[in-house]
């Protein structure tokens, strides 16, 4: 039986993107079943409308609404497919604030889901899932967040791993094994160092 893993993402976050590619890399060999969950930097950071980042994180929040519309009608796999297309456009092609119908079309999903971007009725579900992720790790960390099964079978969460690029395959597998070891150790809570360099998305997947 596949191991369930929940991954919280904001489409605009390059570190979420790098970690998501790493999860996709290790999933087949570690038999992971990934559920893609929304977390909003707009909400997490309480970004005000006069912030220079507001437009980007608000647009990214609207993309999360679309993901929830897709989840409700099309299922979990479709959410992963659409997030992958979001990431290609944002982090590889450098596109900002494009028409979400283009991403839906690219992965063969009904373009009617684009209407969810402006539909506040999806906010309750986005925020419910957002707060589930925050509750797993606490309010003093950011994105990405991973939820996985602990030693007692209950879900545990960690912030990270934060990586700047996709590691080589064997390193990616070793990083997963280390992440599981640390995340499921009750005594462990933090391992950190300063960032070096900008995120490198690597080849377009």
N, C-alpha and C. Protein backbone atom coordinates (compact mmCIF):
# COMPACT_ATOMS: atom_id res chain seq x y z
N UNK A 1 0.84 -1.20 0.00
CA UNK A 1 0.00 0.00 0.00
C UNK A 1 0.88 1.25 0.00
N UNK A 2 0.60 2.22 -0.87
CA UNK A 2 1.42 3.45 -0.91
C UNK A 2 1.38 4.20 0.41
N UNK A 3 2.46 4.90 0.69
CA UNK A 3 2.56 5.72 1.89
C UNK A 3 1.97 7.10 1.61
N UNK A 4 0.95 7.52 2.37
CA UNK A 4 0.36 8.84 2.11
C UNK A 4 1.26 9.97 2.59
N UNK A 5 1.39 10.98 1.77
CA UNK A 5 2.17 12.18 2.10
C UNK A 5 1.34 13.39 1.67
N UNK A 6 1.22 14.36 2.56
CA UNK A 6 0.56 15.61 2.18
C UNK A 6 1.62 16.70 2.03
N UNK A 7 1.47 17.48 0.97
CA UNK A 7 2.43 18.54 0.67
C UNK A 7 1.69 19.85 0.49
N UNK A 8 2.04 20.83 1.33
CA UNK A 8 1.39 22.14 1.27
C UNK A 8 2.21 23.08 0.42
N UNK A 9 1.55 23.77 -0.51
CA UNK A 9 2.24 24.58 -1.50
C UNK A 9 1.53 25.90 -1.74
N UNK A 10 2.33 26.90 -2.05
CA UNK A 10 1.84 28.13 -2.67
C UNK A 10 2.46 28.16 -4.06
N UNK A 11 1.65 28.27 -5.11
CA UNK A 11 2.21 28.21 -6.47
C UNK A 11 3.32 29.21 -6.74
N UNK A 12 3.30 30.37 -6.07
CA UNK A 12 4.30 31.40 -6.33
C UNK A 12 5.64 31.12 -5.66
N UNK A 13 5.69 30.20 -4.71
CA UNK A 13 6.90 29.97 -3.91
C UNK A 13 7.90 29.08 -4.65
N UNK A 14 9.10 29.60 -4.97
CA UNK A 14 10.07 28.78 -5.69
C UNK A 14 10.62 27.63 -4.86
N UNK A 15 10.61 27.78 -3.54
CA UNK A 15 11.10 26.70 -2.69
C UNK A 15 10.08 25.57 -2.59
N UNK A 16 8.80 25.91 -2.59
CA UNK A 16 7.77 24.87 -2.72
C UNK A 16 7.97 24.10 -4.01
N UNK A 17 8.25 24.83 -5.06
CA UNK A 17 8.40 24.19 -6.37
C UNK A 17 9.57 23.21 -6.36
N UNK A 18 10.72 23.63 -5.85
CA UNK A 18 11.89 22.75 -5.80
C UNK A 18 11.59 21.50 -4.97
N UNK A 19 10.95 21.68 -3.83
CA UNK A 19 10.65 20.54 -2.97
C UNK A 19 9.61 19.63 -3.61
N UNK A 20 8.68 20.20 -4.35
CA UNK A 20 7.67 19.37 -5.03
C UNK A 20 8.31 18.51 -6.10
N UNK A 21 9.29 19.05 -6.82
CA UNK A 21 9.99 18.25 -7.84
C UNK A 21 10.77 17.12 -7.18
N UNK A 22 11.35 17.40 -6.03
CA UNK A 22 12.05 16.36 -5.27
C UNK A 22 11.09 15.25 -4.85
N UNK A 23 9.91 15.62 -4.36
CA UNK A 23 8.93 14.61 -3.98
C UNK A 23 8.52 13.75 -5.18
N UNK A 24 8.31 14.39 -6.32
CA UNK A 24 7.96 13.64 -7.52
C UNK A 24 9.10 12.69 -7.92
N UNK A 25 10.33 13.11 -7.69
CA UNK A 25 11.49 12.28 -8.02
C UNK A 25 11.53 11.01 -7.17
N UNK A 26 11.25 11.15 -5.88
CA UNK A 26 11.40 10.01 -4.98
C UNK A 26 10.14 9.16 -4.86
N UNK A 27 8.99 9.72 -5.24
CA UNK A 27 7.72 9.03 -5.01
C UNK A 27 7.67 7.61 -5.58
N UNK A 28 8.12 7.36 -6.81
CA UNK A 28 8.00 5.99 -7.34
C UNK A 28 8.80 4.97 -6.54
N UNK A 29 10.03 5.31 -6.15
CA UNK A 29 10.88 4.34 -5.46
C UNK A 29 10.56 4.22 -3.97
N UNK A 30 9.94 5.23 -3.41
CA UNK A 30 9.55 5.15 -2.00
C UNK A 30 8.04 4.91 -1.84
N UNK A 31 7.39 4.65 -2.96
CA UNK A 31 5.96 4.29 -2.98
C UNK A 31 5.12 5.30 -2.22
N UNK A 32 5.25 6.56 -2.63
CA UNK A 32 4.53 7.64 -1.97
C UNK A 32 3.27 8.01 -2.77
N UNK A 33 2.21 8.30 -2.06
CA UNK A 33 0.98 8.82 -2.66
C UNK A 33 0.82 10.26 -2.16
N UNK A 34 1.08 11.21 -3.04
CA UNK A 34 1.15 12.61 -2.63
C UNK A 34 -0.19 13.29 -2.81
N UNK A 35 -0.61 13.99 -1.78
CA UNK A 35 -1.81 14.82 -1.83
C UNK A 35 -1.36 16.27 -1.76
N UNK A 36 -1.71 17.05 -2.78
CA UNK A 36 -1.23 18.42 -2.92
C UNK A 36 -2.21 19.37 -2.23
N UNK A 37 -1.73 20.07 -1.21
CA UNK A 37 -2.58 20.88 -0.35
C UNK A 37 -2.25 22.37 -0.48
N UNK A 38 -3.24 23.24 -0.32
CA UNK A 38 -2.99 24.68 -0.46
C UNK A 38 -2.49 25.32 0.84
N UNK A 39 -1.50 26.17 0.69
CA UNK A 39 -1.13 27.10 1.76
C UNK A 39 -0.84 28.43 1.08
N UNK A 40 -1.32 29.49 1.66
CA UNK A 40 -1.24 30.80 1.00
C UNK A 40 -0.28 31.72 1.73
N UNK A 41 0.71 32.23 0.99
CA UNK A 41 1.62 33.23 1.56
C UNK A 41 0.88 34.54 1.80
N UNK A 42 -0.16 34.81 1.03
CA UNK A 42 -1.00 35.99 1.26
C UNK A 42 -1.59 35.94 2.67
N UNK A 43 -2.12 34.78 3.03
CA UNK A 43 -2.74 34.60 4.34
C UNK A 43 -1.68 34.43 5.42
N UNK A 44 -0.68 33.60 5.15
CA UNK A 44 0.34 33.29 6.16
C UNK A 44 1.08 34.54 6.61
N UNK A 45 1.44 35.39 5.65
CA UNK A 45 2.21 36.60 5.96
C UNK A 45 1.34 37.83 6.19
N UNK A 46 0.02 37.64 6.09
CA UNK A 46 -0.92 38.75 6.25
C UNK A 46 -0.50 39.93 5.38
N UNK A 47 -0.27 39.63 4.09
CA UNK A 47 0.23 40.63 3.14
C UNK A 47 -0.82 41.70 2.90
N UNK A 48 -0.45 42.95 3.10
CA UNK A 48 -1.39 44.06 2.94
C UNK A 48 -1.44 44.51 1.48
N UNK A 49 -2.55 45.11 1.06
CA UNK A 49 -2.69 45.55 -0.34
C UNK A 49 -1.63 46.55 -0.78
N UNK A 50 -1.00 47.27 0.14
CA UNK A 50 0.02 48.24 -0.26
C UNK A 50 1.41 47.62 -0.33
N UNK A 51 1.53 46.32 -0.09
CA UNK A 51 2.82 45.64 -0.20
C UNK A 51 3.20 45.45 -1.66
N UNK A 52 4.48 45.55 -2.01
CA UNK A 52 4.90 45.29 -3.39
C UNK A 52 4.68 43.83 -3.80
N UNK A 53 4.49 42.95 -2.81
CA UNK A 53 4.28 41.53 -3.11
C UNK A 53 2.80 41.17 -3.22
N UNK A 54 1.92 42.13 -2.94
CA UNK A 54 0.50 41.78 -2.83
C UNK A 54 -0.05 41.20 -4.13
N UNK A 55 0.23 41.83 -5.25
CA UNK A 55 -0.34 41.37 -6.52
C UNK A 55 0.04 39.92 -6.80
N UNK A 56 1.31 39.58 -6.57
CA UNK A 56 1.78 38.22 -6.87
C UNK A 56 1.15 37.19 -5.96
N UNK A 57 1.09 37.49 -4.65
CA UNK A 57 0.56 36.47 -3.73
C UNK A 57 -0.96 36.40 -3.78
N UNK A 58 -1.62 37.50 -4.14
CA UNK A 58 -3.07 37.46 -4.32
C UNK A 58 -3.42 36.63 -5.55
N UNK A 59 -2.69 36.82 -6.63
CA UNK A 59 -2.92 36.02 -7.83
C UNK A 59 -2.66 34.55 -7.54
N UNK A 60 -1.60 34.26 -6.78
CA UNK A 60 -1.30 32.88 -6.43
C UNK A 60 -2.41 32.29 -5.56
N UNK A 61 -2.98 33.10 -4.68
CA UNK A 61 -4.12 32.65 -3.87
C UNK A 61 -5.29 32.27 -4.78
N UNK A 62 -5.54 33.06 -5.80
CA UNK A 62 -6.63 32.76 -6.73
C UNK A 62 -6.38 31.43 -7.45
N UNK A 63 -5.10 31.13 -7.72
CA UNK A 63 -4.78 29.83 -8.32
C UNK A 63 -5.11 28.68 -7.38
N UNK A 64 -4.98 28.92 -6.08
CA UNK A 64 -5.36 27.89 -5.10
C UNK A 64 -6.86 27.62 -5.13
N UNK A 65 -7.65 28.66 -5.34
CA UNK A 65 -9.10 28.45 -5.49
C UNK A 65 -9.38 27.50 -6.65
N UNK A 66 -8.67 27.70 -7.74
CA UNK A 66 -8.87 26.84 -8.92
C UNK A 66 -8.47 25.40 -8.59
N UNK A 67 -7.37 25.23 -7.87
CA UNK A 67 -6.97 23.88 -7.47
C UNK A 67 -8.07 23.18 -6.68
N UNK A 68 -8.74 23.92 -5.79
CA UNK A 68 -9.79 23.30 -4.99
C UNK A 68 -11.02 22.97 -5.83
N UNK A 69 -11.32 23.79 -6.80
CA UNK A 69 -12.40 23.48 -7.73
C UNK A 69 -12.09 22.19 -8.49
N UNK A 70 -10.85 22.08 -8.93
CA UNK A 70 -10.41 20.88 -9.65
C UNK A 70 -10.46 19.66 -8.74
N UNK A 71 -9.99 19.80 -7.51
CA UNK A 71 -10.01 18.67 -6.58
C UNK A 71 -11.45 18.14 -6.39
N UNK A 72 -12.38 19.06 -6.21
CA UNK A 72 -13.76 18.67 -5.94
C UNK A 72 -14.39 17.91 -7.10
N UNK A 73 -14.04 18.28 -8.32
CA UNK A 73 -14.70 17.70 -9.48
C UNK A 73 -13.88 16.63 -10.20
N UNK A 74 -12.56 16.76 -10.15
CA UNK A 74 -11.71 15.91 -10.98
C UNK A 74 -10.82 14.96 -10.18
N UNK A 75 -10.60 15.23 -8.90
CA UNK A 75 -9.81 14.32 -8.08
C UNK A 75 -8.38 14.78 -7.83
N UNK A 76 -7.69 14.03 -6.98
CA UNK A 76 -6.37 14.40 -6.49
C UNK A 76 -5.30 14.42 -7.58
N UNK A 77 -5.33 13.44 -8.48
CA UNK A 77 -4.32 13.39 -9.54
C UNK A 77 -4.37 14.64 -10.39
N UNK A 78 -5.57 15.11 -10.67
CA UNK A 78 -5.72 16.32 -11.49
C UNK A 78 -5.14 17.54 -10.79
N UNK A 79 -5.24 17.60 -9.45
CA UNK A 79 -4.64 18.70 -8.70
C UNK A 79 -3.13 18.71 -8.91
N UNK A 80 -2.50 17.54 -8.81
CA UNK A 80 -1.07 17.44 -9.03
C UNK A 80 -0.67 17.82 -10.44
N UNK A 81 -1.48 17.41 -11.41
CA UNK A 81 -1.19 17.76 -12.81
C UNK A 81 -1.26 19.27 -13.03
N UNK A 82 -2.28 19.90 -12.44
CA UNK A 82 -2.44 21.34 -12.64
C UNK A 82 -1.34 22.11 -11.92
N UNK A 83 -0.98 21.70 -10.71
CA UNK A 83 0.12 22.37 -10.01
C UNK A 83 1.42 22.24 -10.80
N UNK A 84 1.65 21.10 -11.41
CA UNK A 84 2.84 20.92 -12.23
C UNK A 84 2.86 21.92 -13.38
N UNK A 85 1.71 22.13 -13.99
CA UNK A 85 1.64 23.10 -15.09
C UNK A 85 1.79 24.52 -14.57
N UNK A 86 1.21 24.83 -13.41
CA UNK A 86 1.45 26.14 -12.79
C UNK A 86 2.96 26.38 -12.65
N UNK A 87 3.64 25.40 -12.08
CA UNK A 87 5.07 25.56 -11.82
C UNK A 87 5.89 25.72 -13.07
N UNK A 88 5.55 25.00 -14.11
CA UNK A 88 6.26 25.16 -15.39
C UNK A 88 6.20 26.61 -15.86
N UNK A 89 5.00 27.16 -15.82
CA UNK A 89 4.79 28.51 -16.34
C UNK A 89 5.44 29.56 -15.44
N UNK A 90 5.28 29.40 -14.11
CA UNK A 90 5.78 30.41 -13.19
C UNK A 90 7.29 30.33 -13.03
N UNK A 91 7.81 29.14 -12.75
CA UNK A 91 9.20 29.01 -12.32
C UNK A 91 10.17 28.67 -13.44
N UNK A 92 9.68 28.17 -14.56
CA UNK A 92 10.56 27.86 -15.69
C UNK A 92 10.40 28.85 -16.84
N UNK A 93 9.17 29.22 -17.12
CA UNK A 93 8.92 30.14 -18.24
C UNK A 93 8.91 31.60 -17.80
N UNK A 94 8.92 31.85 -16.49
CA UNK A 94 8.94 33.22 -15.99
C UNK A 94 7.66 33.99 -16.24
N UNK A 95 6.54 33.27 -16.43
CA UNK A 95 5.27 33.93 -16.69
C UNK A 95 4.62 34.36 -15.37
N UNK A 96 4.01 35.52 -15.38
CA UNK A 96 3.34 36.04 -14.20
C UNK A 96 1.92 36.49 -14.55
N UNK A 97 0.99 36.07 -13.75
CA UNK A 97 -0.40 36.50 -13.85
C UNK A 97 -1.00 36.24 -15.24
N UNK A 98 -0.80 35.00 -15.71
CA UNK A 98 -1.37 34.57 -16.97
C UNK A 98 -2.80 34.07 -16.75
N UNK A 99 -3.49 33.86 -17.85
CA UNK A 99 -4.86 33.36 -17.82
C UNK A 99 -4.84 31.89 -17.43
N UNK A 100 -5.48 31.54 -16.32
CA UNK A 100 -5.42 30.17 -15.81
C UNK A 100 -6.07 29.17 -16.76
N UNK A 101 -6.91 29.65 -17.68
CA UNK A 101 -7.49 28.71 -18.65
C UNK A 101 -6.40 28.05 -19.49
N UNK A 102 -5.28 28.74 -19.69
CA UNK A 102 -4.18 28.17 -20.48
C UNK A 102 -3.59 26.95 -19.78
N UNK A 103 -3.43 27.03 -18.46
CA UNK A 103 -2.90 25.90 -17.71
C UNK A 103 -3.90 24.74 -17.69
N UNK A 104 -5.18 25.06 -17.53
CA UNK A 104 -6.21 24.02 -17.54
C UNK A 104 -6.23 23.30 -18.88
N UNK A 105 -6.18 24.06 -19.95
CA UNK A 105 -6.17 23.47 -21.29
C UNK A 105 -4.95 22.57 -21.48
N UNK A 106 -3.81 23.01 -20.98
CA UNK A 106 -2.56 22.28 -21.18
C UNK A 106 -2.58 20.90 -20.56
N UNK A 107 -3.35 20.72 -19.48
CA UNK A 107 -3.40 19.41 -18.82
C UNK A 107 -4.74 18.71 -19.05
N UNK A 108 -5.52 19.22 -19.99
CA UNK A 108 -6.75 18.54 -20.39
C UNK A 108 -7.88 18.62 -19.39
N UNK A 109 -7.93 19.71 -18.61
CA UNK A 109 -9.01 19.90 -17.64
C UNK A 109 -10.02 20.91 -18.16
N UNK A 110 -11.27 20.81 -17.74
CA UNK A 110 -12.28 21.76 -18.20
C UNK A 110 -11.91 23.20 -17.85
N UNK A 111 -11.99 24.08 -18.81
CA UNK A 111 -11.63 25.48 -18.56
C UNK A 111 -12.66 26.18 -17.69
N UNK A 112 -13.80 25.54 -17.47
CA UNK A 112 -14.80 26.14 -16.58
C UNK A 112 -14.28 26.32 -15.16
N UNK A 113 -13.25 25.56 -14.78
CA UNK A 113 -12.67 25.70 -13.44
C UNK A 113 -12.01 27.07 -13.25
N UNK A 114 -11.70 27.75 -14.34
CA UNK A 114 -11.05 29.07 -14.23
C UNK A 114 -11.92 30.06 -13.47
N UNK A 115 -13.23 29.88 -13.53
CA UNK A 115 -14.13 30.80 -12.84
C UNK A 115 -13.92 30.80 -11.33
N UNK A 116 -13.36 29.72 -10.81
CA UNK A 116 -13.12 29.62 -9.36
C UNK A 116 -12.11 30.66 -8.88
N UNK A 117 -11.26 31.16 -9.77
CA UNK A 117 -10.24 32.14 -9.37
C UNK A 117 -10.87 33.38 -8.74
N UNK A 118 -12.06 33.73 -9.18
CA UNK A 118 -12.75 34.92 -8.66
C UNK A 118 -13.93 34.57 -7.76
N UNK A 119 -14.01 33.32 -7.36
CA UNK A 119 -15.17 32.84 -6.61
C UNK A 119 -14.81 32.65 -5.13
N UNK A 120 -15.29 33.56 -4.29
CA UNK A 120 -14.95 33.51 -2.87
C UNK A 120 -15.54 32.31 -2.15
N UNK A 121 -16.45 31.60 -2.78
CA UNK A 121 -17.04 30.44 -2.12
C UNK A 121 -16.02 29.33 -1.91
N UNK A 122 -14.90 29.39 -2.63
CA UNK A 122 -13.84 28.40 -2.46
C UNK A 122 -12.92 28.74 -1.29
N UNK A 123 -13.04 29.93 -0.74
CA UNK A 123 -12.12 30.36 0.31
C UNK A 123 -12.18 29.48 1.55
N UNK A 124 -13.36 29.03 1.91
CA UNK A 124 -13.49 28.21 3.12
C UNK A 124 -12.65 26.94 3.02
N UNK A 125 -12.67 26.31 1.85
CA UNK A 125 -11.90 25.07 1.68
C UNK A 125 -10.41 25.36 1.60
N UNK A 126 -10.03 26.41 0.86
CA UNK A 126 -8.62 26.79 0.81
C UNK A 126 -8.09 27.05 2.21
N UNK A 127 -8.82 27.83 2.99
CA UNK A 127 -8.36 28.20 4.33
C UNK A 127 -8.40 27.02 5.30
N UNK A 128 -9.37 26.15 5.15
CA UNK A 128 -9.41 24.96 6.02
C UNK A 128 -8.16 24.13 5.83
N UNK A 129 -7.81 23.88 4.59
CA UNK A 129 -6.62 23.08 4.30
C UNK A 129 -5.34 23.83 4.68
N UNK A 130 -5.30 25.12 4.42
CA UNK A 130 -4.17 25.97 4.82
C UNK A 130 -3.92 25.82 6.32
N UNK A 131 -4.96 25.96 7.12
CA UNK A 131 -4.80 25.93 8.57
C UNK A 131 -4.47 24.53 9.08
N UNK A 132 -4.87 23.50 8.36
CA UNK A 132 -4.45 22.14 8.72
C UNK A 132 -2.93 22.01 8.64
N UNK A 133 -2.35 22.57 7.59
CA UNK A 133 -0.90 22.52 7.45
C UNK A 133 -0.20 23.29 8.54
N UNK A 134 -0.67 24.50 8.81
CA UNK A 134 -0.07 25.33 9.85
C UNK A 134 -0.17 24.64 11.21
N UNK A 135 -1.30 23.98 11.46
CA UNK A 135 -1.49 23.31 12.75
C UNK A 135 -0.49 22.18 12.96
N UNK A 136 -0.04 21.57 11.88
CA UNK A 136 0.93 20.47 11.99
C UNK A 136 2.30 20.95 12.42
N UNK A 137 2.68 22.18 12.02
CA UNK A 137 4.07 22.61 12.23
C UNK A 137 4.21 23.84 13.11
N UNK A 138 3.14 24.59 13.31
CA UNK A 138 3.22 25.81 14.09
C UNK A 138 3.23 27.04 13.21
N UNK A 139 3.07 28.19 13.84
CA UNK A 139 2.91 29.45 13.11
C UNK A 139 4.23 30.16 12.81
N UNK A 140 5.34 29.63 13.32
CA UNK A 140 6.62 30.34 13.18
C UNK A 140 7.47 29.83 12.03
N UNK A 141 6.87 29.08 11.10
CA UNK A 141 7.60 28.59 9.94
C UNK A 141 6.83 28.98 8.67
N UNK A 142 7.42 28.70 7.51
CA UNK A 142 6.81 29.08 6.25
C UNK A 142 6.44 27.90 5.39
N UNK A 143 6.77 28.00 4.11
CA UNK A 143 6.47 26.95 3.15
C UNK A 143 7.78 26.47 2.52
N UNK A 144 7.81 25.21 2.10
CA UNK A 144 6.75 24.20 2.05
C UNK A 144 6.59 23.45 3.38
N UNK A 145 5.48 22.71 3.48
CA UNK A 145 5.20 21.85 4.62
C UNK A 145 4.90 20.45 4.10
N UNK A 146 5.42 19.46 4.80
CA UNK A 146 5.14 18.06 4.47
C UNK A 146 4.49 17.40 5.67
N UNK A 147 3.43 16.64 5.42
CA UNK A 147 2.79 15.82 6.44
C UNK A 147 2.97 14.35 6.09
N UNK A 148 3.44 13.55 7.05
CA UNK A 148 3.65 12.13 6.83
C UNK A 148 3.34 11.36 8.10
N UNK A 149 3.27 10.05 7.98
CA UNK A 149 2.88 9.23 9.12
C UNK A 149 4.02 9.10 10.11
N UNK A 150 3.72 9.34 11.38
CA UNK A 150 4.70 9.17 12.44
C UNK A 150 4.79 7.73 12.89
N UNK A 151 5.60 7.50 13.90
CA UNK A 151 5.85 6.14 14.38
C UNK A 151 4.59 5.49 14.95
N UNK A 152 3.69 6.30 15.46
CA UNK A 152 2.45 5.76 16.03
C UNK A 152 1.29 5.75 15.04
N UNK A 153 1.59 6.10 13.78
CA UNK A 153 0.56 6.12 12.75
C UNK A 153 -0.18 7.42 12.62
N UNK A 154 0.06 8.36 13.54
CA UNK A 154 -0.56 9.69 13.44
C UNK A 154 0.29 10.57 12.53
N UNK A 155 -0.37 11.53 11.88
CA UNK A 155 0.35 12.42 10.97
C UNK A 155 1.22 13.40 11.75
N UNK A 156 2.46 13.57 11.26
CA UNK A 156 3.36 14.59 11.79
C UNK A 156 3.76 15.50 10.64
N UNK A 157 4.13 16.71 10.96
CA UNK A 157 4.49 17.66 9.92
C UNK A 157 5.84 18.28 10.14
N UNK A 158 6.47 18.69 9.04
CA UNK A 158 7.73 19.42 9.10
C UNK A 158 7.70 20.55 8.07
N UNK A 159 8.36 21.63 8.40
CA UNK A 159 8.62 22.70 7.44
C UNK A 159 9.86 22.29 6.66
N UNK A 160 9.70 22.21 5.32
CA UNK A 160 10.82 21.81 4.49
C UNK A 160 10.67 20.38 4.01
N UNK A 161 11.78 19.76 3.57
CA UNK A 161 13.09 20.38 3.47
C UNK A 161 13.12 21.50 2.43
N UNK A 162 13.79 22.58 2.78
CA UNK A 162 13.94 23.70 1.87
C UNK A 162 15.20 23.47 1.06
N UNK A 163 15.04 23.32 -0.24
CA UNK A 163 16.17 23.07 -1.13
C UNK A 163 16.15 24.11 -2.25
N UNK A 164 17.32 24.41 -2.78
CA UNK A 164 17.41 25.43 -3.84
C UNK A 164 17.32 24.82 -5.22
N UNK A 165 17.50 23.50 -5.32
CA UNK A 165 17.45 22.83 -6.62
C UNK A 165 17.20 21.34 -6.37
N UNK A 166 16.80 20.64 -7.40
CA UNK A 166 16.55 19.21 -7.30
C UNK A 166 17.88 18.46 -7.16
N UNK A 167 18.08 17.69 -6.10
CA UNK A 167 19.32 16.93 -5.95
C UNK A 167 19.40 15.80 -6.98
N UNK A 168 20.62 15.26 -7.15
CA UNK A 168 20.79 14.05 -7.96
C UNK A 168 19.93 12.93 -7.38
N UNK A 169 19.60 11.96 -8.21
CA UNK A 169 18.60 10.95 -7.83
C UNK A 169 18.94 10.25 -6.51
N UNK A 170 20.15 9.75 -6.38
CA UNK A 170 20.51 9.03 -5.16
C UNK A 170 20.48 9.96 -3.95
N UNK A 171 20.91 11.20 -4.14
CA UNK A 171 20.85 12.17 -3.04
C UNK A 171 19.40 12.49 -2.68
N UNK A 172 18.55 12.54 -3.70
CA UNK A 172 17.13 12.81 -3.45
C UNK A 172 16.51 11.71 -2.59
N UNK A 173 16.84 10.47 -2.89
CA UNK A 173 16.33 9.35 -2.09
C UNK A 173 16.88 9.40 -0.67
N UNK A 174 18.17 9.70 -0.55
CA UNK A 174 18.77 9.79 0.79
C UNK A 174 18.14 10.92 1.59
N UNK A 175 17.84 12.04 0.92
CA UNK A 175 17.20 13.16 1.60
C UNK A 175 15.81 12.77 2.10
N UNK A 176 15.07 12.01 1.30
CA UNK A 176 13.76 11.56 1.75
C UNK A 176 13.89 10.69 3.01
N UNK A 177 14.80 9.74 2.96
CA UNK A 177 14.96 8.84 4.10
C UNK A 177 15.36 9.62 5.35
N UNK A 178 16.24 10.61 5.18
CA UNK A 178 16.65 11.43 6.31
C UNK A 178 15.49 12.28 6.83
N UNK A 179 14.68 12.79 5.91
CA UNK A 179 13.52 13.59 6.31
C UNK A 179 12.55 12.77 7.14
N UNK A 180 12.28 11.55 6.69
CA UNK A 180 11.38 10.68 7.44
C UNK A 180 11.96 10.38 8.83
N UNK A 181 13.25 10.09 8.88
CA UNK A 181 13.89 9.79 10.17
C UNK A 181 13.73 10.96 11.14
N UNK A 182 14.04 12.16 10.68
CA UNK A 182 13.98 13.32 11.56
C UNK A 182 12.53 13.71 11.90
N UNK A 183 11.67 13.68 10.89
CA UNK A 183 10.29 14.11 11.11
C UNK A 183 9.56 13.21 12.10
N UNK A 184 9.92 11.94 12.12
CA UNK A 184 9.22 11.00 12.98
C UNK A 184 9.91 10.80 14.33
N UNK A 185 10.98 11.54 14.58
CA UNK A 185 11.68 11.49 15.86
C UNK A 185 11.07 12.53 16.80
N UNK A 186 10.39 12.13 17.84
CA UNK A 186 9.68 13.10 18.69
C UNK A 186 10.57 14.18 19.27
N UNK A 187 11.84 13.87 19.51
CA UNK A 187 12.73 14.83 20.14
C UNK A 187 13.26 15.89 19.17
N UNK A 188 13.14 15.64 17.88
CA UNK A 188 13.73 16.55 16.88
C UNK A 188 12.78 17.70 16.56
N UNK A 189 13.34 18.92 16.41
CA UNK A 189 12.47 20.01 15.95
C UNK A 189 13.12 20.94 14.94
N UNK A 190 14.45 21.03 14.84
CA UNK A 190 15.00 21.99 13.88
C UNK A 190 16.43 21.64 13.48
N UNK A 191 16.72 21.91 12.20
CA UNK A 191 18.06 21.81 11.64
C UNK A 191 18.11 22.85 10.53
N UNK A 192 19.02 23.81 10.60
CA UNK A 192 18.93 24.95 9.68
C UNK A 192 20.29 25.57 9.42
N UNK A 193 20.44 26.17 8.22
CA UNK A 193 21.59 27.02 7.93
C UNK A 193 21.16 28.11 6.96
N UNK A 194 22.01 29.13 6.79
CA UNK A 194 21.65 30.26 5.94
C UNK A 194 21.58 29.84 4.48
N UNK A 195 20.70 30.49 3.75
CA UNK A 195 20.53 30.22 2.33
C UNK A 195 21.75 30.66 1.55
N UNK A 196 22.11 29.86 0.53
CA UNK A 196 23.22 30.22 -0.35
C UNK A 196 22.71 30.22 -1.79
N UNK A 197 22.66 31.39 -2.41
CA UNK A 197 22.25 31.49 -3.80
C UNK A 197 20.75 31.47 -3.99
N UNK A 198 20.35 31.77 -5.21
CA UNK A 198 18.93 31.82 -5.57
C UNK A 198 18.44 30.43 -5.95
N UNK A 199 17.14 30.18 -5.87
CA UNK A 199 16.60 28.89 -6.31
C UNK A 199 16.87 28.65 -7.79
N UNK A 200 17.19 27.42 -8.13
CA UNK A 200 17.44 27.01 -9.51
C UNK A 200 16.40 25.96 -9.89
N UNK A 201 15.42 26.31 -10.72
CA UNK A 201 14.37 25.35 -11.05
C UNK A 201 14.84 24.18 -11.90
N UNK A 202 16.01 24.31 -12.54
CA UNK A 202 16.51 23.23 -13.37
C UNK A 202 15.75 23.09 -14.68
N UNK A 203 15.88 21.93 -15.34
CA UNK A 203 15.17 21.72 -16.61
C UNK A 203 13.66 21.75 -16.41
N UNK A 204 12.97 22.22 -17.43
CA UNK A 204 11.50 22.26 -17.37
C UNK A 204 10.94 20.84 -17.39
N UNK A 205 10.16 20.45 -16.38
CA UNK A 205 9.64 19.07 -16.34
C UNK A 205 8.50 18.87 -17.34
